[in-house]
């Protein structure tokens, strides 16, 4: 009997947990590029720590921490071109910050102000998707439209292992494979879909192998290795721009914090498991790598951390001083055009303009 096809899931790692790199796989980067990555990681971690503190103080609402997933987000975001389209889930603060999204707007969003997700006109970023997986078909549709218009841009869609268990995931991969849409599926496998472990979601050995069922290349990357994520994303983007269609990248990483500040992960995760992964976390690894290259000193990192804290605190101040939204907007922007009932409601509340 003839073999119809065989598939091999490759695993990509460039920097190991000791900071030792495979020089043959290193992306072409100069010292300033590597420092920019490190500085972005420090900035994101500062943003994240401040957000957690603000939530505990009641100054923002429920927040989804990115701790432990910085490499998967920053490495991929920096590998894309400025005018590519981004479709984030609710945990992609690091992606947006890496793309230059105003941090005060992100804080404003986590304060419950939806205006924080109205991306600046020069940024092709869709609002964060809180419903799990719904952004996947949107990204494929946008990518298909770009292909139809002979546009060289690509769409990058972010989601977790939980998102890969939704029907939207399978529908999106099927359509992307059939139409060779220029889309990159960035699956952050952080091992837990809230309290459901990855092993309870699928019996597959990897999540990357699911791509082959839809005629799409799939690769598993060390999601705590920022340069491996960068390289895989850059290669996927080059494939998409060259008309070769989509790629699924499984970033094998770990969520070090609770699912959100409304969760208590200690109820379903062993402390030993978290501590084991903490030794593999992205910033620690990249710091060791830079030290071996002579690009990181204690004084340099302290200065970077100081500037990051100053920048983040200014953004928090701006967010908290921003005027609150007009309550009438709840009615005004529900539909494209106001219905007769909505016009009556505006009149009854005295919100007519």
C-alpha atoms as a PDB file:
ATOM      1  CA  UNK A   1       0.000   0.000   0.000  1.00  0.00           C
ATOM      2  CA  UNK A   2       1.381   3.395  -0.982  1.00  0.00           C
ATOM      3  CA  UNK A   3       2.010   5.968   1.731  1.00  0.00           C
ATOM      4  CA  UNK A   4      -0.123   9.023   1.035  1.00  0.00           C
ATOM      5  CA  UNK A   5       2.076  11.359   3.055  1.00  0.00           C
ATOM      6  CA  UNK A   6       4.223  11.693   6.139  1.00  0.00           C
ATOM      7  CA  UNK A   7       4.787  14.671   8.373  1.00  0.00           C
ATOM      8  CA  UNK A   8       7.474  15.694  10.797  1.00  0.00           C
ATOM      9  CA  UNK A   9       7.012  18.294  13.523  1.00  0.00           C
ATOM     10  CA  UNK A  10      10.257  20.187  14.016  1.00  0.00           C
ATOM     11  CA  UNK A  11      11.216  21.825  17.307  1.00  0.00           C
ATOM     12  CA  UNK A  12      13.178  25.067  17.193  1.00  0.00           C
ATOM     13  CA  UNK A  13      15.370  26.330  20.019  1.00  0.00           C
ATOM     14  CA  UNK A  14      18.258  28.788  19.634  1.00  0.00           C
ATOM     15  CA  UNK A  15      19.019  29.803  23.241  1.00  0.00           C
ATOM     16  CA  UNK A  16      18.849  27.153  25.936  1.00  0.00           C
ATOM     17  CA  UNK A  17      18.051  27.677  29.618  1.00  0.00           C
ATOM     18  CA  UNK A  18      21.707  28.401  30.417  1.00  0.00           C
ATOM     19  CA  UNK A  19      21.840  31.204  27.860  1.00  0.00           C
ATOM     20  CA  UNK A  20      23.974  29.183  25.439  1.00  0.00           C
ATOM     21  CA  UNK A  21      23.030  29.723  21.794  1.00  0.00           C
ATOM     22  CA  UNK A  22      23.280  27.764  18.571  1.00  0.00           C
ATOM     23  CA  UNK A  23      25.213  30.321  16.515  1.00  0.00           C
ATOM     24  CA  UNK A  24      24.177  28.691  13.235  1.00  0.00           C
ATOM     25  CA  UNK A  25      20.519  29.457  13.959  1.00  0.00           C
ATOM     26  CA  UNK A  26      20.895  33.014  15.270  1.00  0.00           C
ATOM     27  CA  UNK A  27      18.892  35.591  13.289  1.00  0.00           C
ATOM     28  CA  UNK A  28      20.941  38.328  11.632  1.00  0.00           C
ATOM     29  CA  UNK A  29      20.972  40.968  14.388  1.00  0.00           C
ATOM     30  CA  UNK A  30      23.420  43.592  15.572  1.00  0.00           C
ATOM     31  CA  UNK A  31      24.018  44.563  19.228  1.00  0.00           C
ATOM     32  CA  UNK A  32      21.456  47.447  19.125  1.00  0.00           C
ATOM     33  CA  UNK A  33      18.773  45.029  17.891  1.00  0.00           C
ATOM     34  CA  UNK A  34      19.452  42.604  20.737  1.00  0.00           C
ATOM     35  CA  UNK A  35      19.429  45.433  23.268  1.00  0.00           C
ATOM     36  CA  UNK A  36      16.106  46.692  21.885  1.00  0.00           C
ATOM     37  CA  UNK A  37      14.619  43.245  22.494  1.00  0.00           C
ATOM     38  CA  UNK A  38      15.931  43.194  26.064  1.00  0.00           C
ATOM     39  CA  UNK A  39      14.682  46.713  26.762  1.00  0.00           C
ATOM     40  CA  UNK A  40      11.257  45.828  25.395  1.00  0.00           C
ATOM     41  CA  UNK A  41      11.138  42.804  27.704  1.00  0.00           C
ATOM     42  CA  UNK A  42      11.961  45.008  30.704  1.00  0.00           C
ATOM     43  CA  UNK A  43       9.333  47.555  29.661  1.00  0.00           C
ATOM     44  CA  UNK A  44       6.656  44.883  29.259  1.00  0.00           C
ATOM     45  CA  UNK A  45       7.478  43.300  32.595  1.00  0.00           C
ATOM     46  CA  UNK A  46       7.287  46.711  34.291  1.00  0.00           C
ATOM     47  CA  UNK A  47       3.921  47.390  32.630  1.00  0.00           C
ATOM     48  CA  UNK A  48       2.688  43.999  33.787  1.00  0.00           C
ATOM     49  CA  UNK A  49       3.869  44.381  37.384  1.00  0.00           C
ATOM     50  CA  UNK A  50       2.271  47.826  37.609  1.00  0.00           C
ATOM     51  CA  UNK A  51      -0.996  46.487  36.187  1.00  0.00           C
ATOM     52  CA  UNK A  52      -1.135  43.767  38.846  1.00  0.00           C
ATOM     53  CA  UNK A  53      -0.518  46.377  41.575  1.00  0.00           C
ATOM     54  CA  UNK A  54      -3.192  48.679  40.155  1.00  0.00           C
ATOM     55  CA  UNK A  55      -5.695  45.834  40.136  1.00  0.00           C
ATOM     56  CA  UNK A  56      -4.998  45.021  43.784  1.00  0.00           C
ATOM     57  CA  UNK A  57      -5.526  48.692  44.619  1.00  0.00           C
ATOM     58  CA  UNK A  58      -8.866  48.747  42.771  1.00  0.00           C
ATOM     59  CA  UNK A  59      -7.614  51.187  40.149  1.00  0.00           C
ATOM     60  CA  UNK A  60      -8.166  48.811  37.216  1.00  0.00           C
ATOM     61  CA  UNK A  61     -10.459  45.828  36.767  1.00  0.00           C
ATOM     62  CA  UNK A  62      -9.700  42.179  36.077  1.00  0.00           C
ATOM     63  CA  UNK A  63      -6.332  41.875  34.329  1.00  0.00           C
ATOM     64  CA  UNK A  64      -4.650  39.064  32.358  1.00  0.00           C
ATOM     65  CA  UNK A  65      -0.942  38.856  33.189  1.00  0.00           C
ATOM     66  CA  UNK A  66       1.648  38.119  30.480  1.00  0.00           C
ATOM     67  CA  UNK A  67       4.340  36.943  32.925  1.00  0.00           C
ATOM     68  CA  UNK A  68       6.240  34.031  31.385  1.00  0.00           C
ATOM     69  CA  UNK A  69       4.933  34.593  27.874  1.00  0.00           C
ATOM     70  CA  UNK A  70       6.963  37.673  26.936  1.00  0.00           C
ATOM     71  CA  UNK A  71       9.226  35.820  24.485  1.00  0.00           C
ATOM     72  CA  UNK A  72       6.301  34.364  22.547  1.00  0.00           C
ATOM     73  CA  UNK A  73       4.693  37.768  22.219  1.00  0.00           C
ATOM     74  CA  UNK A  74       7.615  40.165  21.809  1.00  0.00           C
ATOM     75  CA  UNK A  75       9.675  37.869  19.587  1.00  0.00           C
ATOM     76  CA  UNK A  76       6.805  37.405  17.140  1.00  0.00           C
ATOM     77  CA  UNK A  77       5.637  41.031  17.202  1.00  0.00           C
ATOM     78  CA  UNK A  78       9.104  42.390  16.401  1.00  0.00           C
ATOM     79  CA  UNK A  79       9.502  39.963  13.486  1.00  0.00           C
ATOM     80  CA  UNK A  80       6.530  41.453  11.645  1.00  0.00           C
ATOM     81  CA  UNK A  81       6.514  44.553   9.467  1.00  0.00           C
ATOM     82  CA  UNK A  82       4.942  47.796  10.662  1.00  0.00           C
ATOM     83  CA  UNK A  83       1.873  47.595   8.425  1.00  0.00           C
ATOM     84  CA  UNK A  84       1.046  43.920   9.000  1.00  0.00           C
ATOM     85  CA  UNK A  85      -2.263  43.226  10.718  1.00  0.00           C
ATOM     86  CA  UNK A  86      -2.463  41.981  14.317  1.00  0.00           C
ATOM     87  CA  UNK A  87      -5.411  40.052  15.767  1.00  0.00           C
ATOM     88  CA  UNK A  88      -4.811  39.667  19.534  1.00  0.00           C
ATOM     89  CA  UNK A  89      -6.615  37.753  22.236  1.00  0.00           C
ATOM     90  CA  UNK A  90      -7.043  39.262  25.713  1.00  0.00           C
ATOM     91  CA  UNK A  91      -3.504  38.459  26.934  1.00  0.00           C
ATOM     92  CA  UNK A  92      -1.466  40.199  24.250  1.00  0.00           C
ATOM     93  CA  UNK A  93      -0.418  43.364  26.076  1.00  0.00           C
ATOM     94  CA  UNK A  94       3.215  42.539  25.256  1.00  0.00           C
ATOM     95  CA  UNK A  95       2.431  42.273  21.551  1.00  0.00           C
ATOM     96  CA  UNK A  96       0.777  45.675  21.496  1.00  0.00           C
ATOM     97  CA  UNK A  97       3.516  47.370  23.528  1.00  0.00           C
ATOM     98  CA  UNK A  98       6.143  45.885  21.196  1.00  0.00           C
ATOM     99  CA  UNK A  99       4.302  47.440  18.259  1.00  0.00           C
ATOM    100  CA  UNK A 100       4.317  50.862  19.929  1.00  0.00           C
ATOM    101  CA  UNK A 101       0.717  50.873  21.144  1.00  0.00           C
ATOM    102  CA  UNK A 102       0.240  53.654  23.730  1.00  0.00           C
ATOM    103  CA  UNK A 103       0.477  52.071  27.163  1.00  0.00           C
ATOM    104  CA  UNK A 104      -1.917  54.600  28.670  1.00  0.00           C
ATOM    105  CA  UNK A 105      -4.592  53.322  26.278  1.00  0.00           C
ATOM    106  CA  UNK A 106      -3.973  49.754  27.406  1.00  0.00           C
ATOM    107  CA  UNK A 107      -4.318  50.777  31.033  1.00  0.00           C
ATOM    108  CA  UNK A 108      -7.471  52.685  30.099  1.00  0.00           C
ATOM    109  CA  UNK A 109      -8.871  49.534  28.515  1.00  0.00           C
ATOM    110  CA  UNK A 110      -8.186  47.498  31.654  1.00  0.00           C
ATOM    111  CA  UNK A 111      -9.967  50.238  33.599  1.00  0.00           C
ATOM    112  CA  UNK A 112     -13.080  49.253  31.656  1.00  0.00           C
ATOM    113  CA  UNK A 113     -12.929  51.971  29.014  1.00  0.00           C
ATOM    114  CA  UNK A 114     -13.388  50.396  25.567  1.00  0.00           C
ATOM    115  CA  UNK A 115     -11.882  53.492  23.947  1.00  0.00           C
ATOM    116  CA  UNK A 116      -8.543  52.068  25.011  1.00  0.00           C
ATOM    117  CA  UNK A 117      -8.921  49.527  22.192  1.00  0.00           C
ATOM    118  CA  UNK A 118      -9.442  52.133  19.458  1.00  0.00           C
ATOM    119  CA  UNK A 119      -6.030  51.688  17.870  1.00  0.00           C
ATOM    120  CA  UNK A 120      -4.209  54.756  16.541  1.00  0.00           C
ATOM    121  CA  UNK A 121      -4.755  55.274  12.810  1.00  0.00           C
ATOM    122  CA  UNK A 122      -1.194  54.260  11.934  1.00  0.00           C
ATOM    123  CA  UNK A 123      -1.499  50.867  13.665  1.00  0.00           C
ATOM    124  CA  UNK A 124      -3.161  47.878  12.043  1.00  0.00           C
ATOM    125  CA  UNK A 125      -4.275  46.272  15.275  1.00  0.00           C
ATOM    126  CA  UNK A 126      -7.707  44.836  15.943  1.00  0.00           C
ATOM    127  CA  UNK A 127      -9.233  45.107  19.448  1.00  0.00           C
ATOM    128  CA  UNK A 128      -8.343  42.388  21.955  1.00  0.00           C
ATOM    129  CA  UNK A 129     -10.732  39.456  21.636  1.00  0.00           C
ATOM    130  CA  UNK A 130     -12.094  38.308  24.983  1.00  0.00           C
ATOM    131  CA  UNK A 131     -14.357  35.542  23.553  1.00  0.00           C
ATOM    132  CA  UNK A 132     -11.992  32.602  23.114  1.00  0.00           C
ATOM    133  CA  UNK A 133     -11.018  31.883  19.512  1.00  0.00           C
ATOM    134  CA  UNK A 134     -13.368  34.233  17.681  1.00  0.00           C
ATOM    135  CA  UNK A 135     -10.495  36.294  16.285  1.00  0.00           C
ATOM    136  CA  UNK A 136      -9.149  33.354  14.252  1.00  0.00           C
ATOM    137  CA  UNK A 137     -11.687  33.440  11.371  1.00  0.00           C
ATOM    138  CA  UNK A 138     -11.448  37.251  11.360  1.00  0.00           C
ATOM    139  CA  UNK A 139      -7.701  37.048  10.733  1.00  0.00           C
ATOM    140  CA  UNK A 140      -8.137  34.520   7.932  1.00  0.00           C
ATOM    141  CA  UNK A 141     -10.767  36.691   6.286  1.00  0.00           C
ATOM    142  CA  UNK A 142      -8.539  39.745   6.435  1.00  0.00           C
ATOM    143  CA  UNK A 143      -5.614  37.741   5.064  1.00  0.00           C
ATOM    144  CA  UNK A 144      -7.753  36.432   2.211  1.00  0.00           C
ATOM    145  CA  UNK A 145      -8.778  40.020   1.357  1.00  0.00           C
ATOM    146  CA  UNK A 146      -5.116  41.074   1.296  1.00  0.00           C
ATOM    147  CA  UNK A 147      -4.284  38.224  -1.064  1.00  0.00           C
ATOM    148  CA  UNK A 148      -7.233  39.119  -3.299  1.00  0.00           C
ATOM    149  CA  UNK A 149      -5.896  42.678  -3.559  1.00  0.00           C
ATOM    150  CA  UNK A 150      -2.311  41.542  -4.221  1.00  0.00           C
ATOM    151  CA  UNK A 151      -1.303  43.148  -0.912  1.00  0.00           C
ATOM    152  CA  UNK A 152       2.036  41.938   0.518  1.00  0.00           C
ATOM    153  CA  UNK A 153       0.951  42.357   4.117  1.00  0.00           C
ATOM    154  CA  UNK A 154       0.238  39.407   6.395  1.00  0.00           C
ATOM    155  CA  UNK A 155      -2.164  38.822   9.277  1.00  0.00           C
ATOM    156  CA  UNK A 156      -0.886  37.448  12.586  1.00  0.00           C
ATOM    157  CA  UNK A 157      -3.431  35.992  14.992  1.00  0.00           C
ATOM    158  CA  UNK A 158      -2.653  35.188  18.634  1.00  0.00           C
ATOM    159  CA  UNK A 159      -4.447  32.602  20.756  1.00  0.00           C
ATOM    160  CA  UNK A 160      -3.788  29.992  23.428  1.00  0.00           C
ATOM    161  CA  UNK A 161      -4.054  26.240  23.743  1.00  0.00           C
ATOM    162  CA  UNK A 162      -7.605  26.780  24.938  1.00  0.00           C
ATOM    163  CA  UNK A 163      -8.358  28.668  21.727  1.00  0.00           C
ATOM    164  CA  UNK A 164      -7.061  25.709  19.712  1.00  0.00           C
ATOM    165  CA  UNK A 165      -9.793  23.592  21.289  1.00  0.00           C
ATOM    166  CA  UNK A 166     -12.537  25.744  19.808  1.00  0.00           C
ATOM    167  CA  UNK A 167     -14.337  25.137  16.540  1.00  0.00           C
ATOM    168  CA  UNK A 168     -13.185  28.535  15.260  1.00  0.00           C
ATOM    169  CA  UNK A 169      -9.610  27.187  15.229  1.00  0.00           C
ATOM    170  CA  UNK A 170     -10.411  24.291  12.907  1.00  0.00           C
ATOM    171  CA  UNK A 171     -12.603  26.387  10.619  1.00  0.00           C
ATOM    172  CA  UNK A 172      -9.917  29.064  10.367  1.00  0.00           C
ATOM    173  CA  UNK A 173      -7.111  26.601   9.567  1.00  0.00           C
ATOM    174  CA  UNK A 174      -9.250  24.828   6.987  1.00  0.00           C
ATOM    175  CA  UNK A 175     -10.119  28.049   5.152  1.00  0.00           C
ATOM    176  CA  UNK A 176      -6.559  29.362   5.372  1.00  0.00           C
ATOM    177  CA  UNK A 177      -5.202  26.116   3.938  1.00  0.00           C
ATOM    178  CA  UNK A 178      -7.700  25.951   1.083  1.00  0.00           C
ATOM    179  CA  UNK A 179      -7.221  29.576   0.009  1.00  0.00           C
ATOM    180  CA  UNK A 180      -3.523  29.882   0.956  1.00  0.00           C
ATOM    181  CA  UNK A 181      -4.280  32.973   2.965  1.00  0.00           C
ATOM    182  CA  UNK A 182      -1.197  34.925   4.168  1.00  0.00           C
ATOM    183  CA  UNK A 183      -1.856  34.389   7.867  1.00  0.00           C
ATOM    184  CA  UNK A 184       0.373  33.290  10.752  1.00  0.00           C
ATOM    185  CA  UNK A 185      -1.311  31.334  13.542  1.00  0.00           C
ATOM    186  CA  UNK A 186       0.631  32.117  16.739  1.00  0.00           C
ATOM    187  CA  UNK A 187      -0.493  29.519  19.256  1.00  0.00           C
ATOM    188  CA  UNK A 188       0.837  30.208  22.745  1.00  0.00           C
ATOM    189  CA  UNK A 189       0.644  26.846  24.433  1.00  0.00           C
ATOM    190  CA  UNK A 190       0.946  27.984  28.057  1.00  0.00           C
ATOM    191  CA  UNK A 191      -0.153  24.535  29.304  1.00  0.00           C
ATOM    192  CA  UNK A 192      -3.429  25.672  30.886  1.00  0.00           C
ATOM    193  CA  UNK A 193      -6.795  26.834  29.515  1.00  0.00           C
ATOM    194  CA  UNK A 194      -7.823  28.480  32.770  1.00  0.00           C
ATOM    195  CA  UNK A 195      -7.997  25.347  34.976  1.00  0.00           C
ATOM    196  CA  UNK A 196      -8.004  22.749  32.173  1.00  0.00           C
ATOM    197  CA  UNK A 197      -4.538  21.287  31.492  1.00  0.00           C
ATOM    198  CA  UNK A 198      -3.337  20.834  27.953  1.00  0.00           C
ATOM    199  CA  UNK A 199      -3.425  17.026  28.365  1.00  0.00           C
ATOM    200  CA  UNK A 200      -7.202  17.185  28.909  1.00  0.00           C
ATOM    201  CA  UNK A 201      -7.732  19.131  25.688  1.00  0.00           C
ATOM    202  CA  UNK A 202      -6.157  16.797  23.135  1.00  0.00           C
ATOM    203  CA  UNK A 203      -4.356  13.451  22.951  1.00  0.00           C
ATOM    204  CA  UNK A 204      -2.085  14.783  20.176  1.00  0.00           C
ATOM    205  CA  UNK A 205       1.635  14.761  20.993  1.00  0.00           C
ATOM    206  CA  UNK A 206       1.923  18.407  19.895  1.00  0.00           C
ATOM    207  CA  UNK A 207      -0.485  21.141  18.943  1.00  0.00           C
ATOM    208  CA  UNK A 208       1.680  22.047  15.937  1.00  0.00           C
ATOM    209  CA  UNK A 209       0.892  18.738  14.230  1.00  0.00           C
ATOM    210  CA  UNK A 210      -2.742  19.729  13.825  1.00  0.00           C
ATOM    211  CA  UNK A 211      -1.646  22.041  11.004  1.00  0.00           C
ATOM    212  CA  UNK A 212      -0.784  19.131   8.699  1.00  0.00           C
ATOM    213  CA  UNK A 213      -4.394  17.980   8.648  1.00  0.00           C
ATOM    214  CA  UNK A 214      -5.246  21.212   6.870  1.00  0.00           C
ATOM    215  CA  UNK A 215      -2.320  21.250   4.462  1.00  0.00           C
ATOM    216  CA  UNK A 216      -0.442  23.855   6.487  1.00  0.00           C
ATOM    217  CA  UNK A 217       3.139  23.738   7.792  1.00  0.00           C
ATOM    218  CA  UNK A 218       3.354  23.462  11.575  1.00  0.00           C
ATOM    219  CA  UNK A 219       6.342  24.022  13.830  1.00  0.00           C
ATOM    220  CA  UNK A 220       6.839  23.848  17.586  1.00  0.00           C
ATOM    221  CA  UNK A 221       9.110  26.525  19.013  1.00  0.00           C
ATOM    222  CA  UNK A 222      10.593  26.976  22.468  1.00  0.00           C
ATOM    223  CA  UNK A 223       8.225  29.759  23.459  1.00  0.00           C
ATOM    224  CA  UNK A 224      10.586  30.998  26.184  1.00  0.00           C
ATOM    225  CA  UNK A 225      13.358  31.543  23.620  1.00  0.00           C
ATOM    226  CA  UNK A 226      12.709  34.962  22.125  1.00  0.00           C
ATOM    227  CA  UNK A 227      15.102  34.560  19.208  1.00  0.00           C
ATOM    228  CA  UNK A 228      13.607  31.202  18.219  1.00  0.00           C
ATOM    229  CA  UNK A 229      10.141  32.773  18.173  1.00  0.00           C
ATOM    230  CA  UNK A 230      11.497  35.717  16.169  1.00  0.00           C
ATOM    231  CA  UNK A 231      13.110  33.442  13.586  1.00  0.00           C
ATOM    232  CA  UNK A 232      10.075  31.186  13.176  1.00  0.00           C
ATOM    233  CA  UNK A 233       7.741  34.183  12.770  1.00  0.00           C
ATOM    234  CA  UNK A 234      10.030  35.914  10.287  1.00  0.00           C
ATOM    235  CA  UNK A 235      10.262  32.758   8.174  1.00  0.00           C
ATOM    236  CA  UNK A 236       6.468  32.298   8.311  1.00  0.00           C
ATOM    237  CA  UNK A 237       5.943  35.927   7.266  1.00  0.00           C
ATOM    238  CA  UNK A 238       8.372  35.517   4.358  1.00  0.00           C
ATOM    239  CA  UNK A 239       6.464  32.407   3.242  1.00  0.00           C
ATOM    240  CA  UNK A 240       3.159  34.255   3.393  1.00  0.00           C
ATOM    241  CA  UNK A 241       4.470  37.248   1.448  1.00  0.00           C
ATOM    242  CA  UNK A 242       5.854  34.881  -1.166  1.00  0.00           C
ATOM    243  CA  UNK A 243       2.411  33.410  -1.805  1.00  0.00           C
ATOM    244  CA  UNK A 244       3.065  30.140   0.029  1.00  0.00           C
ATOM    245  CA  UNK A 245       0.186  30.572   2.456  1.00  0.00           C
ATOM    246  CA  UNK A 246      -0.250  30.146   6.215  1.00  0.00           C
ATOM    247  CA  UNK A 247       1.904  28.690   8.989  1.00  0.00           C
ATOM    248  CA  UNK A 248       0.995  27.444  12.467  1.00  0.00           C
ATOM    249  CA  UNK A 249       3.610  28.193  15.138  1.00  0.00           C
ATOM    250  CA  UNK A 250       3.139  26.504  18.500  1.00  0.00           C
ATOM    251  CA  UNK A 251       5.059  28.484  21.114  1.00  0.00           C
ATOM    252  CA  UNK A 252       5.682  26.008  23.930  1.00  0.00           C
ATOM    253  CA  UNK A 253       5.636  28.239  27.010  1.00  0.00           C
ATOM    254  CA  UNK A 254       4.047  28.595  30.443  1.00  0.00           C
ATOM    255  CA  UNK A 255       1.679  30.943  32.224  1.00  0.00           C
ATOM    256  CA  UNK A 256       3.492  31.796  35.461  1.00  0.00           C
ATOM    257  CA  UNK A 257       0.660  33.869  36.970  1.00  0.00           C
ATOM    258  CA  UNK A 258      -3.006  33.096  37.485  1.00  0.00           C
ATOM    259  CA  UNK A 259      -5.220  32.989  34.384  1.00  0.00           C
ATOM    260  CA  UNK A 260      -6.422  36.472  35.356  1.00  0.00           C
ATOM    261  CA  UNK A 261      -6.567  38.388  38.621  1.00  0.00           C
ATOM    262  CA  UNK A 262     -10.010  36.814  39.108  1.00  0.00           C
ATOM    263  CA  UNK A 263      -8.436  33.334  39.219  1.00  0.00           C
ATOM    264  CA  UNK A 264      -6.540  31.357  41.865  1.00  0.00           C
ATOM    265  CA  UNK A 265      -4.276  28.917  40.022  1.00  0.00           C
ATOM    266  CA  UNK A 266      -3.058  27.348  43.289  1.00  0.00           C
ATOM    267  CA  UNK A 267      -6.360  25.470  43.385  1.00  0.00           C
ATOM    268  CA  UNK A 268      -5.457  23.416  40.324  1.00  0.00           C
ATOM    269  CA  UNK A 269      -1.668  23.716  39.774  1.00  0.00           C
ATOM    270  CA  UNK A 270       1.156  22.277  41.810  1.00  0.00           C
ATOM    271  CA  UNK A 271       3.603  24.822  43.239  1.00  0.00           C
ATOM    272  CA  UNK A 272       6.505  22.593  42.127  1.00  0.00           C
ATOM    273  CA  UNK A 273       5.339  22.787  38.515  1.00  0.00           C
ATOM    274  CA  UNK A 274       5.299  26.582  38.556  1.00  0.00           C
ATOM    275  CA  UNK A 275       8.727  26.805  40.172  1.00  0.00           C
ATOM    276  CA  UNK A 276      10.173  24.385  37.627  1.00  0.00           C
ATOM    277  CA  UNK A 277       8.972  26.608  34.784  1.00  0.00           C
ATOM    278  CA  UNK A 278      10.130  29.758  36.569  1.00  0.00           C
ATOM    279  CA  UNK A 279      13.703  28.574  36.010  1.00  0.00           C
ATOM    280  CA  UNK A 280      13.017  28.580  32.257  1.00  0.00           C
ATOM    281  CA  UNK A 281      11.368  32.002  32.037  1.00  0.00           C
ATOM    282  CA  UNK A 282      12.226  34.226  29.032  1.00  0.00           C
ATOM    283  CA  UNK A 283      13.850  37.262  30.649  1.00  0.00           C
ATOM    284  CA  UNK A 284      16.211  35.178  32.782  1.00  0.00           C
ATOM    285  CA  UNK A 285      17.330  33.234  29.724  1.00  0.00           C
ATOM    286  CA  UNK A 286      17.861  36.261  27.470  1.00  0.00           C
ATOM    287  CA  UNK A 287      19.749  38.057  30.239  1.00  0.00           C
ATOM    288  CA  UNK A 288      22.199  35.147  30.431  1.00  0.00           C
ATOM    289  CA  UNK A 289      22.577  35.178  26.653  1.00  0.00           C
ATOM    290  CA  UNK A 290      23.389  38.912  26.608  1.00  0.00           C
ATOM    291  CA  UNK A 291      25.894  38.503  29.438  1.00  0.00           C
ATOM    292  CA  UNK A 292      27.752  35.856  27.451  1.00  0.00           C
ATOM    293  CA  UNK A 293      27.924  38.276  24.518  1.00  0.00           C
ATOM    294  CA  UNK A 294      29.145  41.119  26.754  1.00  0.00           C
ATOM    295  CA  UNK A 295      26.013  43.201  26.102  1.00  0.00           C
ATOM    296  CA  UNK A 296      24.471  43.196  29.575  1.00  0.00           C
ATOM    297  CA  UNK A 297      25.835  44.623  32.805  1.00  0.00           C
ATOM    298  CA  UNK A 298      24.120  45.223  36.115  1.00  0.00           C
ATOM    299  CA  UNK A 299      24.450  49.001  35.639  1.00  0.00           C
ATOM    300  CA  UNK A 300      22.945  48.839  32.144  1.00  0.00           C
ATOM    301  CA  UNK A 301      19.935  46.807  33.306  1.00  0.00           C
ATOM    302  CA  UNK A 302      19.359  49.097  36.291  1.00  0.00           C
ATOM    303  CA  UNK A 303      19.267  52.108  33.963  1.00  0.00           C
ATOM    304  CA  UNK A 304      16.885  50.330  31.592  1.00  0.00           C
ATOM    305  CA  UNK A 305      14.609  49.365  34.499  1.00  0.00           C
ATOM    306  CA  UNK A 306      14.642  52.932  35.853  1.00  0.00           C
ATOM    307  CA  UNK A 307      13.632  54.406  32.483  1.00  0.00           C
ATOM    308  CA  UNK A 308      10.938  51.758  32.032  1.00  0.00           C
ATOM    309  CA  UNK A 309       9.428  52.527  35.434  1.00  0.00           C
ATOM    310  CA  UNK A 310       9.418  56.266  34.740  1.00  0.00           C
ATOM    311  CA  UNK A 311       7.768  55.719  31.341  1.00  0.00           C
ATOM    312  CA  UNK A 312       5.119  53.355  32.719  1.00  0.00           C
ATOM    313  CA  UNK A 313       4.231  55.638  35.631  1.00  0.00           C
ATOM    314  CA  UNK A 314       3.746  58.575  33.239  1.00  0.00           C
ATOM    315  CA  UNK A 315       1.404  56.419  31.170  1.00  0.00           C
ATOM    316  CA  UNK A 316      -0.590  55.447  34.265  1.00  0.00           C
ATOM    317  CA  UNK A 317      -0.928  59.109  35.219  1.00  0.00           C
ATOM    318  CA  UNK A 318      -2.182  59.946  31.728  1.00  0.00           C
ATOM    319  CA  UNK A 319      -4.661  57.055  31.796  1.00  0.00           C
ATOM    320  CA  UNK A 320      -6.116  58.091  35.143  1.00  0.00           C
ATOM    321  CA  UNK A 321      -6.462  61.725  34.094  1.00  0.00           C
ATOM    322  CA  UNK A 322      -8.235  60.876  30.842  1.00  0.00           C
ATOM    323  CA  UNK A 323     -11.883  62.062  30.866  1.00  0.00           C
ATOM    324  CA  UNK A 324     -14.423  59.282  31.483  1.00  0.00           C
ATOM    325  CA  UNK A 325     -16.548  58.103  28.554  1.00  0.00           C
ATOM    326  CA  UNK A 326     -19.943  59.603  27.762  1.00  0.00           C
ATOM    327  CA  UNK A 327     -22.568  57.108  29.070  1.00  0.00           C
ATOM    328  CA  UNK A 328     -24.697  57.892  26.007  1.00  0.00           C
ATOM    329  CA  UNK A 329     -22.110  56.073  23.901  1.00  0.00           C
ATOM    330  CA  UNK A 330     -23.595  52.801  25.157  1.00  0.00           C
ATOM    331  CA  UNK A 331     -26.645  53.601  23.040  1.00  0.00           C
ATOM    332  CA  UNK A 332     -25.030  55.643  20.258  1.00  0.00           C
ATOM    333  CA  UNK A 333     -22.569  53.011  19.111  1.00  0.00           C
ATOM    334  CA  UNK A 334     -24.536  49.786  19.539  1.00  0.00           C
ATOM    335  CA  UNK A 335     -25.805  49.939  15.947  1.00  0.00           C
ATOM    336  CA  UNK A 336     -24.460  51.583  12.813  1.00  0.00           C
ATOM    337  CA  UNK A 337     -27.599  53.754  12.724  1.00  0.00           C
ATOM    338  CA  UNK A 338     -29.802  54.630  15.684  1.00  0.00           C
ATOM    339  CA  UNK A 339     -33.087  52.763  15.834  1.00  0.00           C
ATOM    340  CA  UNK A 340     -36.333  54.549  16.721  1.00  0.00           C
ATOM    341  CA  UNK A 341     -36.175  52.963  20.174  1.00  0.00           C
ATOM    342  CA  UNK A 342     -32.610  54.138  20.736  1.00  0.00           C
ATOM    343  CA  UNK A 343     -33.526  57.683  19.727  1.00  0.00           C
ATOM    344  CA  UNK A 344     -36.341  57.563  22.288  1.00  0.00           C
ATOM    345  CA  UNK A 345     -33.952  56.286  24.963  1.00  0.00           C
ATOM    346  CA  UNK A 346     -31.492  59.107  24.294  1.00  0.00           C
ATOM    347  CA  UNK A 347     -34.327  61.605  24.601  1.00  0.00           C
ATOM    348  CA  UNK A 348     -35.647  60.062  27.833  1.00  0.00           C
ATOM    349  CA  UNK A 349     -32.185  60.213  29.446  1.00  0.00           C
ATOM    350  CA  UNK A 350     -31.595  63.737  28.188  1.00  0.00           C
ATOM    351  CA  UNK A 351     -28.597  62.561  26.139  1.00  0.00           C
ATOM    352  CA  UNK A 352     -29.656  64.047  22.816  1.00  0.00           C
ATOM    353  CA  UNK A 353     -27.105  66.249  21.076  1.00  0.00           C
END
